[in-house]
Amino acid sequence: MHPPGTIQTGTDIVGCVGVKAGATLKWTESDAQDTRCSLWRLSVAETHRKKGIARALVTAVEEWAAQHGFHRVEALTANPQASAFYERCAYVVARPNDWGAGSWHAKNLGAGGCCTQDAM
């Protein structure tokens, strides 16, 4: 499985994201069987923000996740701007972060690789 990771303009990488099985801070054996995956380190170059790049990366993660049998995508953030962004992408606050600041945002994936508007 090779998840989506970067968006380039020419030779410059202007956005990136990581994905892992499970929705925990650290890898555990149970993550291999989890039907959730988590989105990590979503970043867009400052000069390329507000151009739909972050949303395109999130959509690519959701599509990849659905194609690989995951039923839910989660993201952890303590950044209020990032929280608002995830909410605009139809994620809802699912639970607090047990390890510190922030909360997990989640979106359930629908059948056929489409993402539902209902995240819970």
PDB file of N, CA and C in Angstrom:
ATOM      1  N   MET A   1       0.844  -1.176   0.000  1.00  0.00           N
ATOM      2  CA  MET A   1       0.000   0.000   0.000  1.00  0.00           C
ATOM      3  C   MET A   1       0.889   1.239   0.000  1.00  0.00           C
ATOM      4  N   HIS A   2       0.702   2.085  -0.976  1.00  0.00           N
ATOM      5  CA  HIS A   2       1.463   3.320  -1.049  1.00  0.00           C
ATOM      6  C   HIS A   2       0.489   4.492  -1.050  1.00  0.00           C
ATOM      7  N   PRO A   3       0.329   5.161   0.084  1.00  0.00           N
ATOM      8  CA  PRO A   3      -0.651   6.237   0.178  1.00  0.00           C
ATOM      9  C   PRO A   3      -0.205   7.495  -0.549  1.00  0.00           C
ATOM     10  N   PRO A   4      -1.157   8.388  -0.803  1.00  0.00           N
ATOM     11  CA  PRO A   4      -0.814   9.676  -1.396  1.00  0.00           C
ATOM     12  C   PRO A   4       0.083  10.432  -0.429  1.00  0.00           C
ATOM     13  N   GLY A   5       0.942  11.283  -0.944  1.00  0.00           N
ATOM     14  CA  GLY A   5       1.849  11.958  -0.033  1.00  0.00           C
ATOM     15  C   GLY A   5       2.185  13.397  -0.348  1.00  0.00           C
ATOM     16  N   THR A   6       2.365  13.739  -1.630  1.00  0.00           N
ATOM     17  CA  THR A   6       2.829  15.086  -1.939  1.00  0.00           C
ATOM     18  C   THR A   6       2.092  15.680  -3.142  1.00  0.00           C
ATOM     19  N   ILE A   7       2.121  16.988  -3.198  1.00  0.00           N
ATOM     20  CA  ILE A   7       1.665  17.734  -4.374  1.00  0.00           C
ATOM     21  C   ILE A   7       2.815  18.637  -4.771  1.00  0.00           C
ATOM     22  N   GLN A   8       3.131  18.635  -6.063  1.00  0.00           N
ATOM     23  CA  GLN A   8       4.247  19.419  -6.573  1.00  0.00           C
ATOM     24  C   GLN A   8       3.771  20.435  -7.599  1.00  0.00           C
ATOM     25  N   THR A   9       4.514  21.540  -7.684  1.00  0.00           N
ATOM     26  CA  THR A   9       4.393  22.463  -8.809  1.00  0.00           C
ATOM     27  C   THR A   9       5.791  22.551  -9.394  1.00  0.00           C
ATOM     28  N   GLY A  10       5.941  22.055 -10.601  1.00  0.00           N
ATOM     29  CA  GLY A  10       7.281  21.966 -11.182  1.00  0.00           C
ATOM     30  C   GLY A  10       8.095  20.984 -10.368  1.00  0.00           C
ATOM     31  N   THR A  11       9.220  21.441  -9.861  1.00  0.00           N
ATOM     32  CA  THR A  11      10.066  20.577  -9.041  1.00  0.00           C
ATOM     33  C   THR A  11       9.900  20.850  -7.553  1.00  0.00           C
ATOM     34  N   ASP A  12       9.046  21.810  -7.197  1.00  0.00           N
ATOM     35  CA  ASP A  12       8.842  22.159  -5.790  1.00  0.00           C
ATOM     36  C   ASP A  12       7.699  21.361  -5.173  1.00  0.00           C
ATOM     37  N   ILE A  13       7.952  20.775  -4.025  1.00  0.00           N
ATOM     38  CA  ILE A  13       6.884  20.132  -3.256  1.00  0.00           C
ATOM     39  C   ILE A  13       6.191  21.242  -2.476  1.00  0.00           C
ATOM     40  N   VAL A  14       4.879  21.401  -2.687  1.00  0.00           N
ATOM     41  CA  VAL A  14       4.134  22.482  -2.039  1.00  0.00           C
ATOM     42  C   VAL A  14       3.151  21.978  -0.995  1.00  0.00           C
ATOM     43  N   GLY A  15       2.953  20.659  -0.921  1.00  0.00           N
ATOM     44  CA  GLY A  15       2.064  20.099   0.089  1.00  0.00           C
ATOM     45  C   GLY A  15       2.400  18.654   0.338  1.00  0.00           C
ATOM     46  N   CYS A  16       2.179  18.207   1.570  1.00  0.00           N
ATOM     47  CA  CYS A  16       2.435  16.809   1.884  1.00  0.00           C
ATOM     48  C   CYS A  16       1.538  16.349   3.027  1.00  0.00           C
ATOM     49  N   VAL A  17       1.369  15.036   3.116  1.00  0.00           N
ATOM     50  CA  VAL A  17       0.575  14.428   4.181  1.00  0.00           C
ATOM     51  C   VAL A  17       1.052  12.997   4.374  1.00  0.00           C
ATOM     52  N   GLY A  18       0.935  12.508   5.593  1.00  0.00           N
ATOM     53  CA  GLY A  18       1.247  11.120   5.887  1.00  0.00           C
ATOM     54  C   GLY A  18      -0.011  10.393   6.324  1.00  0.00           C
ATOM     55  N   VAL A  19      -0.011   9.077   6.157  1.00  0.00           N
ATOM     56  CA  VAL A  19      -1.149   8.246   6.544  1.00  0.00           C
ATOM     57  C   VAL A  19      -0.613   7.001   7.232  1.00  0.00           C
ATOM     58  N   LYS A  20      -1.299   6.545   8.290  1.00  0.00           N
ATOM     59  CA  LYS A  20      -0.922   5.279   8.922  1.00  0.00           C
ATOM     60  C   LYS A  20      -2.171   4.523   9.325  1.00  0.00           C
ATOM     61  N   ALA A  21      -2.069   3.220   9.346  1.00  0.00           N
ATOM     62  CA  ALA A  21      -3.170   2.391   9.828  1.00  0.00           C
ATOM     63  C   ALA A  21      -3.373   2.671  11.309  1.00  0.00           C
ATOM     64  N   GLY A  22      -4.627   2.656  11.733  1.00  0.00           N
ATOM     65  CA  GLY A  22      -4.943   2.910  13.131  1.00  0.00           C
ATOM     66  C   GLY A  22      -5.049   4.394  13.426  1.00  0.00           C
ATOM     67  N   ALA A  23      -5.553   4.682  14.600  1.00  0.00           N
ATOM     68  CA  ALA A  23      -5.712   6.070  15.025  1.00  0.00           C
ATOM     69  C   ALA A  23      -5.167   6.214  16.437  1.00  0.00           C
ATOM     70  N   THR A  24      -3.883   5.922  16.557  1.00  0.00           N
ATOM     71  CA  THR A  24      -3.169   6.042  17.823  1.00  0.00           C
ATOM     72  C   THR A  24      -1.895   6.827  17.567  1.00  0.00           C
ATOM     73  N   LEU A  25      -1.336   7.384  18.628  1.00  0.00           N
ATOM     74  CA  LEU A  25      -0.107   8.150  18.462  1.00  0.00           C
ATOM     75  C   LEU A  25       1.086   7.266  18.131  1.00  0.00           C
ATOM     76  N   LYS A  26       1.120   6.102  18.691  1.00  0.00           N
ATOM     77  CA  LYS A  26       2.228   5.178  18.453  1.00  0.00           C
ATOM     78  C   LYS A  26       1.694   3.898  17.832  1.00  0.00           C
ATOM     79  N   TRP A  27       2.486   3.290  16.964  1.00  0.00           N
ATOM     80  CA  TRP A  27       2.091   2.055  16.301  1.00  0.00           C
ATOM     81  C   TRP A  27       1.937   0.948  17.333  1.00  0.00           C
ATOM     82  N   THR A  28       0.846   0.205  17.205  1.00  0.00           N
ATOM     83  CA  THR A  28       0.645  -0.992  18.017  1.00  0.00           C
ATOM     84  C   THR A  28       0.246  -2.124  17.077  1.00  0.00           C
ATOM     85  N   GLU A  29       0.380  -3.347  17.516  1.00  0.00           N
ATOM     86  CA  GLU A  29       0.011  -4.492  16.684  1.00  0.00           C
ATOM     87  C   GLU A  29      -1.456  -4.430  16.272  1.00  0.00           C
ATOM     88  N   SER A  30      -2.308  -3.893  17.141  1.00  0.00           N
ATOM     89  CA  SER A  30      -3.733  -3.834  16.815  1.00  0.00           C
ATOM     90  C   SER A  30      -4.014  -2.854  15.677  1.00  0.00           C
ATOM     91  N   ASP A  31      -3.112  -1.912  15.406  1.00  0.00           N
ATOM     92  CA  ASP A  31      -3.300  -0.981  14.292  1.00  0.00           C
ATOM     93  C   ASP A  31      -3.392  -1.710  12.960  1.00  0.00           C
ATOM     94  N   ALA A  32      -2.710  -2.844  12.836  1.00  0.00           N
ATOM     95  CA  ALA A  32      -2.717  -3.601  11.578  1.00  0.00           C
ATOM     96  C   ALA A  32      -4.107  -4.131  11.252  1.00  0.00           C
ATOM     97  N   GLN A  33      -4.948  -4.323  12.258  1.00  0.00           N
ATOM     98  CA  GLN A  33      -6.305  -4.836  12.053  1.00  0.00           C
ATOM     99  C   GLN A  33      -7.365  -3.740  12.128  1.00  0.00           C
ATOM    100  N   ASP A  34      -6.966  -2.532  12.410  1.00  0.00           N
ATOM    101  CA  ASP A  34      -7.898  -1.421  12.604  1.00  0.00           C
ATOM    102  C   ASP A  34      -8.546  -1.026  11.275  1.00  0.00           C
ATOM    103  N   THR A  35      -9.810  -0.678  11.296  1.00  0.00           N
ATOM    104  CA  THR A  35     -10.488  -0.203  10.085  1.00  0.00           C
ATOM    105  C   THR A  35     -10.415   1.317   9.989  1.00  0.00           C
ATOM    106  N   ARG A  36      -9.690   1.919  10.921  1.00  0.00           N
ATOM    107  CA  ARG A  36      -9.443   3.360  10.865  1.00  0.00           C
ATOM    108  C   ARG A  36      -8.018   3.593  10.374  1.00  0.00           C
ATOM    109  N   CYS A  37      -7.820   4.730   9.725  1.00  0.00           N
ATOM    110  CA  CYS A  37      -6.456   5.176   9.458  1.00  0.00           C
ATOM    111  C   CYS A  37      -6.378   6.620   9.922  1.00  0.00           C
ATOM    112  N   SER A  38      -5.174   7.094  10.107  1.00  0.00           N
ATOM    113  CA  SER A  38      -5.020   8.464  10.572  1.00  0.00           C
ATOM    114  C   SER A  38      -4.121   9.256   9.636  1.00  0.00           C
ATOM    115  N   LEU A  39      -4.482  10.493   9.514  1.00  0.00           N
ATOM    116  CA  LEU A  39      -3.826  11.461   8.644  1.00  0.00           C
ATOM    117  C   LEU A  39      -2.824  12.227   9.518  1.00  0.00           C
ATOM    118  N   TRP A  40      -1.588  12.372   9.059  1.00  0.00           N
ATOM    119  CA  TRP A  40      -0.534  13.015   9.867  1.00  0.00           C
ATOM    120  C   TRP A  40       0.217  14.066   9.075  1.00  0.00           C
ATOM    121  N   ARG A  41       0.623  15.098   9.764  1.00  0.00           N
ATOM    122  CA  ARG A  41       1.535  16.122   9.235  1.00  0.00           C
ATOM    123  C   ARG A  41       1.064  16.756   7.930  1.00  0.00           C
ATOM    124  N   LEU A  42      -0.213  17.063   7.847  1.00  0.00           N
ATOM    125  CA  LEU A  42      -0.718  17.772   6.678  1.00  0.00           C
ATOM    126  C   LEU A  42      -0.070  19.154   6.649  1.00  0.00           C
ATOM    127  N   SER A  43       0.665  19.436   5.586  1.00  0.00           N
ATOM    128  CA  SER A  43       1.388  20.703   5.470  1.00  0.00           C
ATOM    129  C   SER A  43       1.291  21.242   4.054  1.00  0.00           C
ATOM    130  N   VAL A  44       1.147  22.551   3.943  1.00  0.00           N
ATOM    131  CA  VAL A  44       1.147  23.232   2.657  1.00  0.00           C
ATOM    132  C   VAL A  44       2.078  24.434   2.784  1.00  0.00           C
ATOM    133  N   ALA A  45       2.930  24.623   1.775  1.00  0.00           N
ATOM    134  CA  ALA A  45       3.846  25.767   1.775  1.00  0.00           C
ATOM    135  C   ALA A  45       3.057  27.064   1.924  1.00  0.00           C
ATOM    136  N   GLU A  46       3.564  27.959   2.724  1.00  0.00           N
ATOM    137  CA  GLU A  46       2.867  29.219   2.992  1.00  0.00           C
ATOM    138  C   GLU A  46       2.490  29.956   1.710  1.00  0.00           C
ATOM    139  N   THR A  47       3.354  29.906   0.713  1.00  0.00           N
ATOM    140  CA  THR A  47       3.103  30.605  -0.552  1.00  0.00           C
ATOM    141  C   THR A  47       2.010  29.965  -1.383  1.00  0.00           C
ATOM    142  N   HIS A  48       1.570  28.763  -0.999  1.00  0.00           N
ATOM    143  CA  HIS A  48       0.565  28.041  -1.779  1.00  0.00           C
ATOM    144  C   HIS A  48      -0.718  27.752  -1.001  1.00  0.00           C
ATOM    145  N   ARG A  49      -0.889  28.406   0.129  1.00  0.00           N
ATOM    146  CA  ARG A  49      -2.090  28.193   0.927  1.00  0.00           C
ATOM    147  C   ARG A  49      -3.293  28.899   0.305  1.00  0.00           C
ATOM    148  N   LYS A  50      -4.480  28.435   0.686  1.00  0.00           N
ATOM    149  CA  LYS A  50      -5.753  28.989   0.199  1.00  0.00           C
ATOM    150  C   LYS A  50      -5.954  28.730  -1.291  1.00  0.00           C
ATOM    151  N   LYS A  51      -5.350  27.648  -1.796  1.00  0.00           N
ATOM    152  CA  LYS A  51      -5.497  27.282  -3.211  1.00  0.00           C
ATOM    153  C   LYS A  51      -6.091  25.892  -3.389  1.00  0.00           C
ATOM    154  N   GLY A  52      -6.591  25.312  -2.306  1.00  0.00           N
ATOM    155  CA  GLY A  52      -7.221  23.998  -2.393  1.00  0.00           C
ATOM    156  C   GLY A  52      -6.267  22.825  -2.261  1.00  0.00           C
ATOM    157  N   ILE A  53      -5.003  23.089  -1.978  1.00  0.00           N
ATOM    158  CA  ILE A  53      -4.018  22.004  -1.900  1.00  0.00           C
ATOM    159  C   ILE A  53      -4.269  21.115  -0.689  1.00  0.00           C
ATOM    160  N   ALA A  54      -4.517  21.687   0.469  1.00  0.00           N
ATOM    161  CA  ALA A  54      -4.774  20.878   1.667  1.00  0.00           C
ATOM    162  C   ALA A  54      -6.021  20.024   1.472  1.00  0.00           C
ATOM    163  N   ARG A  55      -7.070  20.606   0.922  1.00  0.00           N
ATOM    164  CA  ARG A  55      -8.296  19.844   0.685  1.00  0.00           C
ATOM    165  C   ARG A  55      -8.038  18.714  -0.316  1.00  0.00           C
ATOM    166  N   ALA A  56      -7.233  18.978  -1.345  1.00  0.00           N
ATOM    167  CA  ALA A  56      -6.904  17.928  -2.323  1.00  0.00           C
ATOM    168  C   ALA A  56      -6.134  16.790  -1.663  1.00  0.00           C
ATOM    169  N   LEU A  57      -5.223  17.118  -0.750  1.00  0.00           N
ATOM    170  CA  LEU A  57      -4.480  16.079  -0.043  1.00  0.00           C
ATOM    171  C   LEU A  57      -5.395  15.261   0.867  1.00  0.00           C
ATOM    172  N   VAL A  58      -6.298  15.935   1.575  1.00  0.00           N
ATOM    173  CA  VAL A  58      -7.238  15.222   2.444  1.00  0.00           C
ATOM    174  C   VAL A  58      -8.141  14.315   1.607  1.00  0.00           C
ATOM    175  N   THR A  59      -8.637  14.821   0.492  1.00  0.00           N
ATOM    176  CA  THR A  59      -9.484  14.014  -0.392  1.00  0.00           C
ATOM    177  C   THR A  59      -8.715  12.807  -0.916  1.00  0.00           C
ATOM    178  N   ALA A  60      -7.451  13.002  -1.280  1.00  0.00           N
ATOM    179  CA  ALA A  60      -6.627  11.883  -1.762  1.00  0.00           C
ATOM    180  C   ALA A  60      -6.448  10.829  -0.670  1.00  0.00           C
ATOM    181  N   VAL A  61      -6.251  11.261   0.572  1.00  0.00           N
ATOM    182  CA  VAL A  61      -6.133  10.324   1.686  1.00  0.00           C
ATOM    183  C   VAL A  61      -7.437   9.553   1.857  1.00  0.00           C
ATOM    184  N   GLU A  62      -8.561  10.259   1.827  1.00  0.00           N
ATOM    185  CA  GLU A  62      -9.860   9.607   2.000  1.00  0.00           C
ATOM    186  C   GLU A  62     -10.117   8.582   0.895  1.00  0.00           C
ATOM    187  N   GLU A  63      -9.812   8.941  -0.334  1.00  0.00           N
ATOM    188  CA  GLU A  63     -10.020   8.014  -1.453  1.00  0.00           C
ATOM    189  C   GLU A  63      -9.101   6.803  -1.324  1.00  0.00           C
ATOM    190  N   TRP A  64      -7.847   7.037  -1.003  1.00  0.00           N
ATOM    191  CA  TRP A  64      -6.891   5.950  -0.815  1.00  0.00           C
ATOM    192  C   TRP A  64      -7.355   5.035   0.321  1.00  0.00           C
ATOM    193  N   ALA A  65      -7.790   5.633   1.428  1.00  0.00           N
ATOM    194  CA  ALA A  65      -8.232   4.860   2.588  1.00  0.00           C
ATOM    195  C   ALA A  65      -9.418   3.964   2.224  1.00  0.00           C
ATOM    196  N   ALA A  66     -10.399   4.516   1.536  1.00  0.00           N
ATOM    197  CA  ALA A  66     -11.574   3.731   1.149  1.00  0.00           C
ATOM    198  C   ALA A  66     -11.182   2.588   0.216  1.00  0.00           C
ATOM    199  N   GLN A  67     -10.277   2.845  -0.716  1.00  0.00           N
ATOM    200  CA  GLN A  67      -9.834   1.813  -1.660  1.00  0.00           C
ATOM    201  C   GLN A  67      -9.073   0.685  -0.967  1.00  0.00           C
ATOM    202  N   HIS A  68      -8.506   0.982   0.204  1.00  0.00           N
ATOM    203  CA  HIS A  68      -7.713  -0.025   0.918  1.00  0.00           C
ATOM    204  C   HIS A  68      -8.445  -0.587   2.135  1.00  0.00           C
ATOM    205  N   GLY A  69      -9.754  -0.424   2.167  1.00  0.00           N
ATOM    206  CA  GLY A  69     -10.557  -1.080   3.187  1.00  0.00           C
ATOM    207  C   GLY A  69     -10.721  -0.362   4.508  1.00  0.00           C
ATOM    208  N   PHE A  70     -10.246   0.854   4.606  1.00  0.00           N
ATOM    209  CA  PHE A  70     -10.447   1.613   5.840  1.00  0.00           C
ATOM    210  C   PHE A  70     -11.835   2.249   5.801  1.00  0.00           C
ATOM    211  N   HIS A  71     -12.479   2.327   6.952  1.00  0.00           N
ATOM    212  CA  HIS A  71     -13.838   2.853   7.024  1.00  0.00           C
ATOM    213  C   HIS A  71     -13.909   4.235   7.662  1.00  0.00           C
ATOM    214  N   ARG A  72     -12.789   4.700   8.194  1.00  0.00           N
ATOM    215  CA  ARG A  72     -12.793   5.972   8.911  1.00  0.00           C
ATOM    216  C   ARG A  72     -11.400   6.582   8.839  1.00  0.00           C
ATOM    217  N   VAL A  73     -11.359   7.905   8.664  1.00  0.00           N
ATOM    218  CA  VAL A  73     -10.098   8.648   8.694  1.00  0.00           C
ATOM    219  C   VAL A  73     -10.149   9.573   9.900  1.00  0.00           C
ATOM    220  N   GLU A  74      -9.061   9.614  10.661  1.00  0.00           N
ATOM    221  CA  GLU A  74      -8.988  10.492  11.821  1.00  0.00           C
ATOM    222  C   GLU A  74      -7.733  11.356  11.736  1.00  0.00           C
ATOM    223  N   ALA A  75      -7.810  12.520  12.354  1.00  0.00           N
ATOM    224  CA  ALA A  75      -6.671  13.441  12.393  1.00  0.00           C
ATOM    225  C   ALA A  75      -6.613  14.075  13.776  1.00  0.00           C
ATOM    226  N   LEU A  76      -5.428  14.181  14.314  1.00  0.00           N
ATOM    227  CA  LEU A  76      -5.211  14.784  15.625  1.00  0.00           C
ATOM    228  C   LEU A  76      -4.632  16.179  15.444  1.00  0.00           C
ATOM    229  N   THR A  77      -5.223  17.157  16.099  1.00  0.00           N
ATOM    230  CA  THR A  77      -4.657  18.501  16.048  1.00  0.00           C
ATOM    231  C   THR A  77      -4.998  19.283  17.315  1.00  0.00           C
ATOM    232  N   ALA A  78      -4.100  20.180  17.673  1.00  0.00           N
ATOM    233  CA  ALA A  78      -4.337  21.130  18.756  1.00  0.00           C
ATOM    234  C   ALA A  78      -4.379  22.548  18.188  1.00  0.00           C
ATOM    235  N   ASN A  79      -4.291  22.662  16.864  1.00  0.00           N
ATOM    236  CA  ASN A  79      -4.262  23.949  16.183  1.00  0.00           C
ATOM    237  C   ASN A  79      -5.693  24.373  15.838  1.00  0.00           C
ATOM    238  N   PRO A  80      -6.172  25.505  16.356  1.00  0.00           N
ATOM    239  CA  PRO A  80      -7.546  25.933  16.076  1.00  0.00           C
ATOM    240  C   PRO A  80      -7.834  26.135  14.587  1.00  0.00           C
ATOM    241  N   GLN A  81      -6.851  26.625  13.822  1.00  0.00           N
ATOM    242  CA  GLN A  81      -7.056  26.795  12.374  1.00  0.00           C
ATOM    243  C   GLN A  81      -7.192  25.436  11.691  1.00  0.00           C
ATOM    244  N   ALA A  82      -6.388  24.475  12.112  1.00  0.00           N
ATOM    245  CA  ALA A  82      -6.479  23.129  11.536  1.00  0.00           C
ATOM    246  C   ALA A  82      -7.819  22.484  11.908  1.00  0.00           C
ATOM    247  N   SER A  83      -8.262  22.675  13.142  1.00  0.00           N
ATOM    248  CA  SER A  83      -9.563  22.140  13.557  1.00  0.00           C
ATOM    249  C   SER A  83     -10.672  22.694  12.680  1.00  0.00           C
ATOM    250  N   ALA A  84     -10.647  23.994  12.442  1.00  0.00           N
ATOM    251  CA  ALA A  84     -11.674  24.624  11.601  1.00  0.00           C
ATOM    252  C   ALA A  84     -11.603  24.077  10.175  1.00  0.00           C
ATOM    253  N   PHE A  85     -10.394  23.858   9.668  1.00  0.00           N
ATOM    254  CA  PHE A  85     -10.235  23.286   8.329  1.00  0.00           C
ATOM    255  C   PHE A  85     -10.858  21.895   8.258  1.00  0.00           C
ATOM    256  N   TYR A  86     -10.534  21.027   9.239  1.00  0.00           N
ATOM    257  CA  TYR A  86     -11.099  19.675   9.221  1.00  0.00           C
ATOM    258  C   TYR A  86     -12.621  19.722   9.307  1.00  0.00           C
ATOM    259  N   GLU A  87     -13.151  20.633  10.096  1.00  0.00           N
ATOM    260  CA  GLU A  87     -14.606  20.754  10.192  1.00  0.00           C
ATOM    261  C   GLU A  87     -15.209  21.180   8.852  1.00  0.00           C
ATOM    262  N   ARG A  88     -14.530  22.048   8.112  1.00  0.00           N
ATOM    263  CA  ARG A  88     -15.002  22.423   6.764  1.00  0.00           C
ATOM    264  C   ARG A  88     -14.953  21.231   5.808  1.00  0.00           C
ATOM    265  N   CYS A  89     -14.083  20.268   6.096  1.00  0.00           N
ATOM    266  CA  CYS A  89     -13.981  19.046   5.291  1.00  0.00           C
ATOM    267  C   CYS A  89     -14.916  17.954   5.816  1.00  0.00           C
ATOM    268  N   ALA A  90     -15.873  18.325   6.661  1.00  0.00           N
ATOM    269  CA  ALA A  90     -16.894  17.418   7.215  1.00  0.00           C
ATOM    270  C   ALA A  90     -16.357  16.438   8.251  1.00  0.00           C
ATOM    271  N   TYR A  91     -15.273  16.779   8.922  1.00  0.00           N
ATOM    272  CA  TYR A  91     -14.799  15.996  10.055  1.00  0.00           C
ATOM    273  C   TYR A  91     -15.468  16.548  11.308  1.00  0.00           C
ATOM    274  N   VAL A  92     -15.658  15.690  12.284  1.00  0.00           N
ATOM    275  CA  VAL A  92     -16.212  16.126  13.566  1.00  0.00           C
ATOM    276  C   VAL A  92     -15.235  15.763  14.672  1.00  0.00           C
ATOM    277  N   VAL A  93     -15.302  16.485  15.776  1.00  0.00           N
ATOM    278  CA  VAL A  93     -14.468  16.152  16.919  1.00  0.00           C
ATOM    279  C   VAL A  93     -14.974  14.829  17.483  1.00  0.00           C
ATOM    280  N   ALA A  94     -14.100  13.838  17.500  1.00  0.00           N
ATOM    281  CA  ALA A  94     -14.489  12.489  17.904  1.00  0.00           C
ATOM    282  C   ALA A  94     -14.144  12.188  19.360  1.00  0.00           C
ATOM    283  N   ARG A  95     -12.985  12.685  19.801  1.00  0.00           N
ATOM    284  CA  ARG A  95     -12.562  12.408  21.177  1.00  0.00           C
ATOM    285  C   ARG A  95     -11.372  13.302  21.516  1.00  0.00           C
ATOM    286  N   PRO A  96     -11.132  13.517  22.803  1.00  0.00           N
ATOM    287  CA  PRO A  96      -9.953  14.299  23.184  1.00  0.00           C
ATOM    288  C   PRO A  96      -8.683  13.480  22.985  1.00  0.00           C
ATOM    289  N   ASN A  97      -7.579  14.165  22.945  1.00  0.00           N
ATOM    290  CA  ASN A  97      -6.279  13.511  22.877  1.00  0.00           C
ATOM    291  C   ASN A  97      -5.893  13.070  24.282  1.00  0.00           C
ATOM    292  N   ASP A  98      -5.742  11.783  24.490  1.00  0.00           N
ATOM    293  CA  ASP A  98      -5.401  11.267  25.818  1.00  0.00           C
ATOM    294  C   ASP A  98      -3.985  11.624  26.254  1.00  0.00           C
ATOM    295  N   TRP A  99      -3.142  12.025  25.314  1.00  0.00           N
ATOM    296  CA  TRP A  99      -1.736  12.276  25.620  1.00  0.00           C
ATOM    297  C   TRP A  99      -1.410  13.742  25.844  1.00  0.00           C
ATOM    298  N   GLY A 100      -2.371  14.640  25.653  1.00  0.00           N
ATOM    299  CA  GLY A 100      -2.075  16.051  25.838  1.00  0.00           C
ATOM    300  C   GLY A 100      -3.109  16.921  25.159  1.00  0.00           C
ATOM    301  N   ALA A 101      -2.658  18.044  24.652  1.00  0.00           N
ATOM    302  CA  ALA A 101      -3.558  19.025  24.049  1.00  0.00           C
ATOM    303  C   ALA A 101      -4.156  18.515  22.742  1.00  0.00           C
ATOM    304  N   GLY A 102      -5.266  19.104  22.374  1.00  0.00           N
ATOM    305  CA  GLY A 102      -5.870  18.812  21.084  1.00  0.00           C
ATOM    306  C   GLY A 102      -6.939  17.751  21.149  1.00  0.00           C
ATOM    307  N   SER A 103      -7.468  17.444  19.974  1.00  0.00           N
ATOM    308  CA  SER A 103      -8.506  16.429  19.875  1.00  0.00           C
ATOM    309  C   SER A 103      -8.417  15.728  18.530  1.00  0.00           C
ATOM    310  N   TRP A 104      -9.022  14.554  18.485  1.00  0.00           N
ATOM    311  CA  TRP A 104      -9.097  13.761  17.265  1.00  0.00           C
ATOM    312  C   TRP A 104     -10.338  14.182  16.496  1.00  0.00           C
ATOM    313  N   HIS A 105     -10.184  14.437  15.211  1.00  0.00           N
ATOM    314  CA  HIS A 105     -11.294  14.727  14.312  1.00  0.00           C
ATOM    315  C   HIS A 105     -11.477  13.491  13.432  1.00  0.00           C
ATOM    316  N   ALA A 106     -12.732  13.164  13.092  1.00  0.00           N
ATOM    317  CA  ALA A 106     -12.983  11.927  12.360  1.00  0.00           C
ATOM    318  C   ALA A 106     -14.016  12.117  11.271  1.00  0.00           C
ATOM    319  N   LYS A 107     -13.875  11.282  10.237  1.00  0.00           N
ATOM    320  CA  LYS A 107     -14.835  11.247   9.145  1.00  0.00           C
ATOM    321  C   LYS A 107     -15.004   9.803   8.716  1.00  0.00           C
ATOM    322  N   ASN A 108     -16.246   9.328   8.729  1.00  0.00           N
ATOM    323  CA  ASN A 108     -16.539   7.984   8.240  1.00  0.00           C
ATOM    324  C   ASN A 108     -16.569   8.006   6.727  1.00  0.00           C
ATOM    325  N   LEU A 109     -16.095   6.931   6.126  1.00  0.00           N
ATOM    326  CA  LEU A 109     -16.070   6.821   4.678  1.00  0.00           C
ATOM    327  C   LEU A 109     -17.250   5.983   4.223  1.00  0.00           C
ATOM    328  N   GLY A 110     -17.875   6.384   3.131  1.00  0.00           N
ATOM    329  CA  GLY A 110     -19.017   5.641   2.580  1.00  0.00           C
ATOM    330  C   GLY A 110     -18.572   4.540   1.650  1.00  0.00           C
ATOM    331  N   ALA A 111     -19.526   3.836   1.116  1.00  0.00           N
ATOM    332  CA  ALA A 111     -19.253   2.753   0.176  1.00  0.00           C
ATOM    333  C   ALA A 111     -18.710   3.307  -1.139  1.00  0.00           C
ATOM    334  N   GLY A 112     -17.910   2.529  -1.811  1.00  0.00           N
ATOM    335  CA  GLY A 112     -17.418   2.888  -3.130  1.00  0.00           C
ATOM    336  C   GLY A 112     -16.386   3.986  -3.157  1.00  0.00           C
ATOM    337  N   GLY A 113     -15.743   4.246  -2.030  1.00  0.00           N
ATOM    338  CA  GLY A 113     -14.680   5.239  -1.992  1.00  0.00           C
ATOM    339  C   GLY A 113     -15.158   6.654  -1.797  1.00  0.00           C
ATOM    340  N   CYS A 114     -16.463   6.866  -1.673  1.00  0.00           N
ATOM    341  CA  CYS A 114     -16.975   8.216  -1.436  1.00  0.00           C
ATOM    342  C   CYS A 114     -16.960   8.502   0.044  1.00  0.00           C
ATOM    343  N   CYS A 115     -16.820   9.739   0.360  1.00  0.00           N
ATOM    344  CA  CYS A 115     -16.824  10.134   1.770  1.00  0.00           C
ATOM    345  C   CYS A 115     -18.198  10.663   2.112  1.00  0.00           C
ATOM    346  N   THR A 116     -18.741  10.206   3.225  1.00  0.00           N
ATOM    347  CA  THR A 116     -20.063  10.657   3.614  1.00  0.00           C
ATOM    348  C   THR A 116     -19.973  12.009   4.303  1.00  0.00           C
ATOM    349  N   GLN A 117     -21.062  12.718   4.295  1.00  0.00           N
ATOM    350  CA  GLN A 117     -21.125  13.982   5.025  1.00  0.00           C
ATOM    351  C   GLN A 117     -21.297  13.696   6.515  1.00  0.00           C
ATOM    352  N   ASP A 118     -21.814  12.539   6.844  1.00  0.00           N
ATOM    353  CA  ASP A 118     -22.021  12.158   8.237  1.00  0.00           C
ATOM    354  C   ASP A 118     -20.764  11.507   8.761  1.00  0.00           C
ATOM    355  N   ALA A 119     -20.030  12.213   9.606  1.00  0.00           N
ATOM    356  CA  ALA A 119     -18.766  11.694  10.098  1.00  0.00           C
ATOM    357  C   ALA A 119     -18.917  10.774  11.295  1.00  0.00           C
ATOM    358  N   MET A 120     -20.043  10.709  11.920  1.00  0.00           N
ATOM    359  CA  MET A 120     -20.223   9.822  13.067  1.00  0.00           C
ATOM    360  C   MET A 120     -21.278   8.860  12.703  1.00  0.00           C
TER     361      MET A 120
END
